[in-house]
Amino acid sequence: MGVVTEDDILDFLLDIIGCSLTNTARIAIHLPDATGDPGVLMGKINEFGGYIATATSPVSKDETGKHIAIIRYRADMT
């Protein structure tokens, strides 16, 4: 057994959202609260040659009533 520290939790969360990745870009997009919208967005990124490294979305909505999708991706540079 060990002790889980605040630093352990922060490191874990930063890893989940891909902060340590290199050669990636982060985009944040406001999406309506509708079934399938995140999938359409990720499909478009893939369609244009982007590799999605991570995708997260807070449960709470923003002030406009939309969700924010945060995607870290790498574009095909070849």
PDB file of N, CA and C in Angstrom:
ATOM      1  N   MET A   1       0.838  -1.173   0.000  1.00  0.00           N
ATOM      2  CA  MET A   1       0.000   0.000   0.000  1.00  0.00           C
ATOM      3  C   MET A   1       0.889   1.243   0.000  1.00  0.00           C
ATOM      4  N   GLY A   2       0.378   2.268  -0.616  1.00  0.00           N
ATOM      5  CA  GLY A   2       1.107   3.524  -0.650  1.00  0.00           C
ATOM      6  C   GLY A   2       0.165   4.681  -0.424  1.00  0.00           C
ATOM      7  N   VAL A   3       0.738   5.845  -0.479  1.00  0.00           N
ATOM      8  CA  VAL A   3      -0.024   7.070  -0.285  1.00  0.00           C
ATOM      9  C   VAL A   3      -0.180   7.757  -1.635  1.00  0.00           C
ATOM     10  N   VAL A   4      -1.391   8.120  -1.979  1.00  0.00           N
ATOM     11  CA  VAL A   4      -1.647   8.868  -3.206  1.00  0.00           C
ATOM     12  C   VAL A   4      -1.634  10.346  -2.849  1.00  0.00           C
ATOM     13  N   THR A   5      -0.740  11.073  -3.490  1.00  0.00           N
ATOM     14  CA  THR A   5      -0.605  12.497  -3.199  1.00  0.00           C
ATOM     15  C   THR A   5      -1.346  13.342  -4.233  1.00  0.00           C
ATOM     16  N   GLU A   6      -1.472  14.623  -3.941  1.00  0.00           N
ATOM     17  CA  GLU A   6      -2.065  15.549  -4.910  1.00  0.00           C
ATOM     18  C   GLU A   6      -1.249  15.575  -6.193  1.00  0.00           C
ATOM     19  N   ASP A   7       0.076  15.499  -6.065  1.00  0.00           N
ATOM     20  CA  ASP A   7       0.937  15.475  -7.253  1.00  0.00           C
ATOM     21  C   ASP A   7       0.667  14.237  -8.105  1.00  0.00           C
ATOM     22  N   ASP A   8       0.432  13.094  -7.468  1.00  0.00           N
ATOM     23  CA  ASP A   8       0.109  11.861  -8.206  1.00  0.00           C
ATOM     24  C   ASP A   8      -1.159  12.044  -9.025  1.00  0.00           C
ATOM     25  N   ILE A   9      -2.169  12.633  -8.420  1.00  0.00           N
ATOM     26  CA  ILE A   9      -3.454  12.841  -9.099  1.00  0.00           C
ATOM     27  C   ILE A   9      -3.301  13.846 -10.230  1.00  0.00           C
ATOM     28  N   LEU A  10      -2.582  14.935  -9.985  1.00  0.00           N
ATOM     29  CA  LEU A  10      -2.363  15.936 -11.020  1.00  0.00           C
ATOM     30  C   LEU A  10      -1.584  15.342 -12.192  1.00  0.00           C
ATOM     31  N   ASP A  11      -0.524  14.585 -11.905  1.00  0.00           N
ATOM     32  CA  ASP A  11       0.243  13.943 -12.976  1.00  0.00           C
ATOM     33  C   ASP A  11      -0.633  13.015 -13.799  1.00  0.00           C
ATOM     34  N   PHE A  12      -1.505  12.260 -13.125  1.00  0.00           N
ATOM     35  CA  PHE A  12      -2.410  11.344 -13.817  1.00  0.00           C
ATOM     36  C   PHE A  12      -3.363  12.109 -14.735  1.00  0.00           C
ATOM     37  N   LEU A  13      -3.962  13.181 -14.237  1.00  0.00           N
ATOM     38  CA  LEU A  13      -4.897  13.964 -15.046  1.00  0.00           C
ATOM     39  C   LEU A  13      -4.201  14.624 -16.235  1.00  0.00           C
ATOM     40  N   LEU A  14      -2.994  15.143 -16.017  1.00  0.00           N
ATOM     41  CA  LEU A  14      -2.251  15.751 -17.119  1.00  0.00           C
ATOM     42  C   LEU A  14      -1.890  14.717 -18.174  1.00  0.00           C
ATOM     43  N   ASP A  15      -1.615  13.496 -17.746  1.00  0.00           N
ATOM     44  CA  ASP A  15      -1.323  12.423 -18.690  1.00  0.00           C
ATOM     45  C   ASP A  15      -2.559  12.052 -19.501  1.00  0.00           C
ATOM     46  N   ILE A  16      -3.710  11.988 -18.845  1.00  0.00           N
ATOM     47  CA  ILE A  16      -4.956  11.649 -19.536  1.00  0.00           C
ATOM     48  C   ILE A  16      -5.277  12.648 -20.647  1.00  0.00           C
ATOM     49  N   ILE A  17      -5.052  13.932 -20.391  1.00  0.00           N
ATOM     50  CA  ILE A  17      -5.397  14.936 -21.400  1.00  0.00           C
ATOM     51  C   ILE A  17      -4.257  15.209 -22.373  1.00  0.00           C
ATOM     52  N   GLY A  18      -3.144  14.479 -22.219  1.00  0.00           N
ATOM     53  CA  GLY A  18      -2.085  14.534 -23.215  1.00  0.00           C
ATOM     54  C   GLY A  18      -1.153  15.714 -23.145  1.00  0.00           C
ATOM     55  N   CYS A  19      -1.020  16.319 -21.994  1.00  0.00           N
ATOM     56  CA  CYS A  19      -0.168  17.505 -21.880  1.00  0.00           C
ATOM     57  C   CYS A  19       1.307  17.227 -22.149  1.00  0.00           C
ATOM     58  N   SER A  20       1.748  16.003 -21.978  1.00  0.00           N
ATOM     59  CA  SER A  20       3.166  15.688 -22.191  1.00  0.00           C
ATOM     60  C   SER A  20       3.471  15.295 -23.634  1.00  0.00           C
ATOM     61  N   LEU A  21       2.456  15.219 -24.475  1.00  0.00           N
ATOM     62  CA  LEU A  21       2.676  14.826 -25.868  1.00  0.00           C
ATOM     63  C   LEU A  21       3.358  15.947 -26.640  1.00  0.00           C
ATOM     64  N   THR A  22       4.208  15.556 -27.570  1.00  0.00           N
ATOM     65  CA  THR A  22       4.854  16.541 -28.432  1.00  0.00           C
ATOM     66  C   THR A  22       4.279  16.415 -29.838  1.00  0.00           C
ATOM     67  N   ASN A  23       4.460  17.439 -30.618  1.00  0.00           N
ATOM     68  CA  ASN A  23       3.977  17.476 -32.002  1.00  0.00           C
ATOM     69  C   ASN A  23       2.467  17.282 -32.104  1.00  0.00           C
ATOM     70  N   THR A  24       1.746  17.818 -31.150  1.00  0.00           N
ATOM     71  CA  THR A  24       0.288  17.768 -31.189  1.00  0.00           C
ATOM     72  C   THR A  24      -0.264  19.174 -31.007  1.00  0.00           C
ATOM     73  N   ALA A  25      -1.504  19.339 -31.384  1.00  0.00           N
ATOM     74  CA  ALA A  25      -2.205  20.607 -31.183  1.00  0.00           C
ATOM     75  C   ALA A  25      -3.442  20.327 -30.340  1.00  0.00           C
ATOM     76  N   ARG A  26      -3.868  21.316 -29.591  1.00  0.00           N
ATOM     77  CA  ARG A  26      -5.051  21.196 -28.738  1.00  0.00           C
ATOM     78  C   ARG A  26      -6.113  22.135 -29.269  1.00  0.00           C
ATOM     79  N   ILE A  27      -7.304  21.600 -29.476  1.00  0.00           N
ATOM     80  CA  ILE A  27      -8.420  22.449 -29.870  1.00  0.00           C
ATOM     81  C   ILE A  27      -9.563  22.237 -28.878  1.00  0.00           C
ATOM     82  N   ALA A  28     -10.277  23.291 -28.624  1.00  0.00           N
ATOM     83  CA  ALA A  28     -11.466  23.235 -27.767  1.00  0.00           C
ATOM     84  C   ALA A  28     -12.639  23.729 -28.602  1.00  0.00           C
ATOM     85  N   ILE A  29     -13.676  22.921 -28.682  1.00  0.00           N
ATOM     86  CA  ILE A  29     -14.824  23.233 -29.523  1.00  0.00           C
ATOM     87  C   ILE A  29     -16.097  23.161 -28.696  1.00  0.00           C
ATOM     88  N   HIS A  30     -16.967  24.134 -28.844  1.00  0.00           N
ATOM     89  CA  HIS A  30     -18.265  24.136 -28.171  1.00  0.00           C
ATOM     90  C   HIS A  30     -19.241  23.330 -29.020  1.00  0.00           C
ATOM     91  N   LEU A  31     -19.785  22.271 -28.439  1.00  0.00           N
ATOM     92  CA  LEU A  31     -20.714  21.399 -29.162  1.00  0.00           C
ATOM     93  C   LEU A  31     -22.084  21.402 -28.497  1.00  0.00           C
ATOM     94  N   PRO A  32     -23.145  21.334 -29.298  1.00  0.00           N
ATOM     95  CA  PRO A  32     -24.475  21.188 -28.721  1.00  0.00           C
ATOM     96  C   PRO A  32     -24.561  19.863 -27.965  1.00  0.00           C
ATOM     97  N   ASP A  33     -25.484  19.782 -27.049  1.00  0.00           N
ATOM     98  CA  ASP A  33     -25.677  18.561 -26.271  1.00  0.00           C
ATOM     99  C   ASP A  33     -26.567  17.615 -27.074  1.00  0.00           C
ATOM    100  N   ALA A  34     -25.989  17.063 -28.153  1.00  0.00           N
ATOM    101  CA  ALA A  34     -26.749  16.185 -29.037  1.00  0.00           C
ATOM    102  C   ALA A  34     -25.978  14.895 -29.272  1.00  0.00           C
ATOM    103  N   THR A  35     -26.691  13.811 -29.328  1.00  0.00           N
ATOM    104  CA  THR A  35     -26.080  12.509 -29.566  1.00  0.00           C
ATOM    105  C   THR A  35     -25.354  12.504 -30.906  1.00  0.00           C
ATOM    106  N   GLY A  36     -24.119  12.042 -30.890  1.00  0.00           N
ATOM    107  CA  GLY A  36     -23.356  11.880 -32.123  1.00  0.00           C
ATOM    108  C   GLY A  36     -22.466  13.036 -32.515  1.00  0.00           C
ATOM    109  N   ASP A  37     -22.667  14.230 -31.953  1.00  0.00           N
ATOM    110  CA  ASP A  37     -21.859  15.376 -32.364  1.00  0.00           C
ATOM    111  C   ASP A  37     -20.363  15.182 -32.117  1.00  0.00           C
ATOM    112  N   PRO A  38     -19.935  14.659 -30.952  1.00  0.00           N
ATOM    113  CA  PRO A  38     -18.489  14.434 -30.777  1.00  0.00           C
ATOM    114  C   PRO A  38     -17.935  13.442 -31.807  1.00  0.00           C
ATOM    115  N   GLY A  39     -18.709  12.428 -32.139  1.00  0.00           N
ATOM    116  CA  GLY A  39     -18.271  11.450 -33.134  1.00  0.00           C
ATOM    117  C   GLY A  39     -18.107  12.056 -34.512  1.00  0.00           C
ATOM    118  N   VAL A  40     -19.011  12.957 -34.879  1.00  0.00           N
ATOM    119  CA  VAL A  40     -18.913  13.639 -36.175  1.00  0.00           C
ATOM    120  C   VAL A  40     -17.642  14.482 -36.210  1.00  0.00           C
ATOM    121  N   LEU A  41     -17.376  15.206 -35.129  1.00  0.00           N
ATOM    122  CA  LEU A  41     -16.176  16.046 -35.051  1.00  0.00           C
ATOM    123  C   LEU A  41     -14.916  15.197 -35.200  1.00  0.00           C
ATOM    124  N   MET A  42     -14.834  14.099 -34.447  1.00  0.00           N
ATOM    125  CA  MET A  42     -13.649  13.254 -34.515  1.00  0.00           C
ATOM    126  C   MET A  42     -13.520  12.584 -35.885  1.00  0.00           C
ATOM    127  N   GLY A  43     -14.643  12.245 -36.500  1.00  0.00           N
ATOM    128  CA  GLY A  43     -14.616  11.687 -37.841  1.00  0.00           C
ATOM    129  C   GLY A  43     -14.042  12.663 -38.856  1.00  0.00           C
ATOM    130  N   LYS A  44     -14.406  13.928 -38.732  1.00  0.00           N
ATOM    131  CA  LYS A  44     -13.891  14.956 -39.647  1.00  0.00           C
ATOM    132  C   LYS A  44     -12.389  15.136 -39.476  1.00  0.00           C
ATOM    133  N   ILE A  45     -11.920  15.112 -38.222  1.00  0.00           N
ATOM    134  CA  ILE A  45     -10.482  15.236 -37.981  1.00  0.00           C
ATOM    135  C   ILE A  45      -9.757  14.065 -38.633  1.00  0.00           C
ATOM    136  N   ASN A  46     -10.268  12.864 -38.458  1.00  0.00           N
ATOM    137  CA  ASN A  46      -9.660  11.684 -39.079  1.00  0.00           C
ATOM    138  C   ASN A  46      -9.733  11.754 -40.602  1.00  0.00           C
ATOM    139  N   GLU A  47     -10.853  12.228 -41.114  1.00  0.00           N
ATOM    140  CA  GLU A  47     -11.050  12.330 -42.560  1.00  0.00           C
ATOM    141  C   GLU A  47      -9.981  13.201 -43.206  1.00  0.00           C
ATOM    142  N   PHE A  48      -9.550  14.232 -42.503  1.00  0.00           N
ATOM    143  CA  PHE A  48      -8.542  15.141 -43.033  1.00  0.00           C
ATOM    144  C   PHE A  48      -7.124  14.749 -42.636  1.00  0.00           C
ATOM    145  N   GLY A  49      -6.947  13.505 -42.150  1.00  0.00           N
ATOM    146  CA  GLY A  49      -5.610  12.998 -41.879  1.00  0.00           C
ATOM    147  C   GLY A  49      -5.095  13.252 -40.486  1.00  0.00           C
ATOM    148  N   GLY A  50      -5.929  13.706 -39.586  1.00  0.00           N
ATOM    149  CA  GLY A  50      -5.483  13.958 -38.222  1.00  0.00           C
ATOM    150  C   GLY A  50      -5.550  12.704 -37.370  1.00  0.00           C
ATOM    151  N   TYR A  51      -4.606  12.566 -36.483  1.00  0.00           N
ATOM    152  CA  TYR A  51      -4.588  11.459 -35.523  1.00  0.00           C
ATOM    153  C   TYR A  51      -5.032  12.017 -34.179  1.00  0.00           C
ATOM    154  N   ILE A  52      -6.113  11.495 -33.618  1.00  0.00           N
ATOM    155  CA  ILE A  52      -6.618  11.964 -32.338  1.00  0.00           C
ATOM    156  C   ILE A  52      -5.886  11.228 -31.225  1.00  0.00           C
ATOM    157  N   ALA A  53      -5.114  11.978 -30.460  1.00  0.00           N
ATOM    158  CA  ALA A  53      -4.354  11.394 -29.360  1.00  0.00           C
ATOM    159  C   ALA A  53      -5.202  11.296 -28.101  1.00  0.00           C
ATOM    160  N   THR A  54      -5.965  12.342 -27.792  1.00  0.00           N
ATOM    161  CA  THR A  54      -6.846  12.340 -26.628  1.00  0.00           C
ATOM    162  C   THR A  54      -8.098  13.157 -26.932  1.00  0.00           C
ATOM    163  N   ALA A  55      -9.178  12.810 -26.246  1.00  0.00           N
ATOM    164  CA  ALA A  55     -10.421  13.579 -26.344  1.00  0.00           C
ATOM    165  C   ALA A  55     -11.080  13.558 -24.968  1.00  0.00           C
ATOM    166  N   THR A  56     -11.401  14.735 -24.460  1.00  0.00           N
ATOM    167  CA  THR A  56     -12.076  14.850 -23.169  1.00  0.00           C
ATOM    168  C   THR A  56     -13.184  15.882 -23.277  1.00  0.00           C
ATOM    169  N   SER A  57     -14.140  15.775 -22.378  1.00  0.00           N
ATOM    170  CA  SER A  57     -15.219  16.748 -22.339  1.00  0.00           C
ATOM    171  C   SER A  57     -15.764  16.809 -20.919  1.00  0.00           C
ATOM    172  N   PRO A  58     -15.688  17.993 -20.296  1.00  0.00           N
ATOM    173  CA  PRO A  58     -16.265  18.116 -18.961  1.00  0.00           C
ATOM    174  C   PRO A  58     -17.764  17.811 -18.988  1.00  0.00           C
ATOM    175  N   VAL A  59     -18.273  17.313 -17.890  1.00  0.00           N
ATOM    176  CA  VAL A  59     -19.693  16.973 -17.796  1.00  0.00           C
ATOM    177  C   VAL A  59     -20.554  18.231 -17.794  1.00  0.00           C
ATOM    178  N   SER A  60     -20.078  19.276 -17.126  1.00  0.00           N
ATOM    179  CA  SER A  60     -20.869  20.501 -17.025  1.00  0.00           C
ATOM    180  C   SER A  60     -20.847  21.270 -18.342  1.00  0.00           C
ATOM    181  N   LYS A  61     -21.923  21.987 -18.574  1.00  0.00           N
ATOM    182  CA  LYS A  61     -22.058  22.793 -19.785  1.00  0.00           C
ATOM    183  C   LYS A  61     -21.490  24.187 -19.531  1.00  0.00           C
ATOM    184  N   ASP A  62     -21.147  24.881 -20.621  1.00  0.00           N
ATOM    185  CA  ASP A  62     -20.676  26.254 -20.486  1.00  0.00           C
ATOM    186  C   ASP A  62     -21.866  27.206 -20.362  1.00  0.00           C
ATOM    187  N   GLU A  63     -21.582  28.487 -20.361  1.00  0.00           N
ATOM    188  CA  GLU A  63     -22.642  29.482 -20.165  1.00  0.00           C
ATOM    189  C   GLU A  63     -23.646  29.538 -21.308  1.00  0.00           C
ATOM    190  N   THR A  64     -23.298  28.967 -22.470  1.00  0.00           N
ATOM    191  CA  THR A  64     -24.216  28.952 -23.613  1.00  0.00           C
ATOM    192  C   THR A  64     -25.068  27.689 -23.645  1.00  0.00           C
ATOM    193  N   GLY A  65     -24.817  26.756 -22.709  1.00  0.00           N
ATOM    194  CA  GLY A  65     -25.556  25.509 -22.679  1.00  0.00           C
ATOM    195  C   GLY A  65     -24.934  24.409 -23.524  1.00  0.00           C
ATOM    196  N   LYS A  66     -23.721  24.662 -24.018  1.00  0.00           N
ATOM    197  CA  LYS A  66     -23.032  23.667 -24.841  1.00  0.00           C
ATOM    198  C   LYS A  66     -21.924  22.998 -24.034  1.00  0.00           C
ATOM    199  N   HIS A  67     -21.503  21.841 -24.523  1.00  0.00           N
ATOM    200  CA  HIS A  67     -20.360  21.147 -23.938  1.00  0.00           C
ATOM    201  C   HIS A  67     -19.100  21.587 -24.664  1.00  0.00           C
ATOM    202  N   ILE A  68     -17.988  21.535 -23.964  1.00  0.00           N
ATOM    203  CA  ILE A  68     -16.709  21.836 -24.589  1.00  0.00           C
ATOM    204  C   ILE A  68     -15.980  20.515 -24.808  1.00  0.00           C
ATOM    205  N   ALA A  69     -15.650  20.214 -26.045  1.00  0.00           N
ATOM    206  CA  ALA A  69     -14.839  19.039 -26.369  1.00  0.00           C
ATOM    207  C   ALA A  69     -13.406  19.521 -26.527  1.00  0.00           C
ATOM    208  N   ILE A  70     -12.503  18.893 -25.804  1.00  0.00           N
ATOM    209  CA  ILE A  70     -11.088  19.253 -25.879  1.00  0.00           C
ATOM    210  C   ILE A  70     -10.363  18.081 -26.530  1.00  0.00           C
ATOM    211  N   ILE A  71      -9.798  18.335 -27.694  1.00  0.00           N
ATOM    212  CA  ILE A  71      -9.171  17.286 -28.477  1.00  0.00           C
ATOM    213  C   ILE A  71      -7.706  17.653 -28.728  1.00  0.00           C
ATOM    214  N   ARG A  72      -6.844  16.702 -28.480  1.00  0.00           N
ATOM    215  CA  ARG A  72      -5.430  16.861 -28.808  1.00  0.00           C
ATOM    216  C   ARG A  72      -5.170  15.940 -29.992  1.00  0.00           C
ATOM    217  N   TYR A  73      -4.653  16.523 -31.068  1.00  0.00           N
ATOM    218  CA  TYR A  73      -4.463  15.742 -32.280  1.00  0.00           C
ATOM    219  C   TYR A  73      -3.137  16.071 -32.928  1.00  0.00           C
ATOM    220  N   ARG A  74      -2.739  15.162 -33.794  1.00  0.00           N
ATOM    221  CA  ARG A  74      -1.518  15.352 -34.584  1.00  0.00           C
ATOM    222  C   ARG A  74      -1.924  15.272 -36.045  1.00  0.00           C
ATOM    223  N   ALA A  75      -1.581  16.289 -36.801  1.00  0.00           N
ATOM    224  CA  ALA A  75      -1.892  16.305 -38.232  1.00  0.00           C
ATOM    225  C   ALA A  75      -0.810  15.550 -38.991  1.00  0.00           C
ATOM    226  N   ASP A  76      -1.206  14.893 -40.044  1.00  0.00           N
ATOM    227  CA  ASP A  76      -0.256  14.194 -40.887  1.00  0.00           C
ATOM    228  C   ASP A  76       0.553  15.233 -41.649  1.00  0.00           C
ATOM    229  N   MET A  77       1.824  15.310 -41.363  1.00  0.00           N
ATOM    230  CA  MET A  77       2.664  16.350 -41.948  1.00  0.00           C
ATOM    231  C   MET A  77       3.379  15.876 -43.221  1.00  0.00           C
ATOM    232  N   THR A  78       3.034  14.695 -43.717  1.00  0.00           N
ATOM    233  CA  THR A  78       3.710  14.197 -44.915  1.00  0.00           C
ATOM    234  C   THR A  78       2.989  14.606 -46.165  1.00  0.00           C
TER     235      THR A  78
END
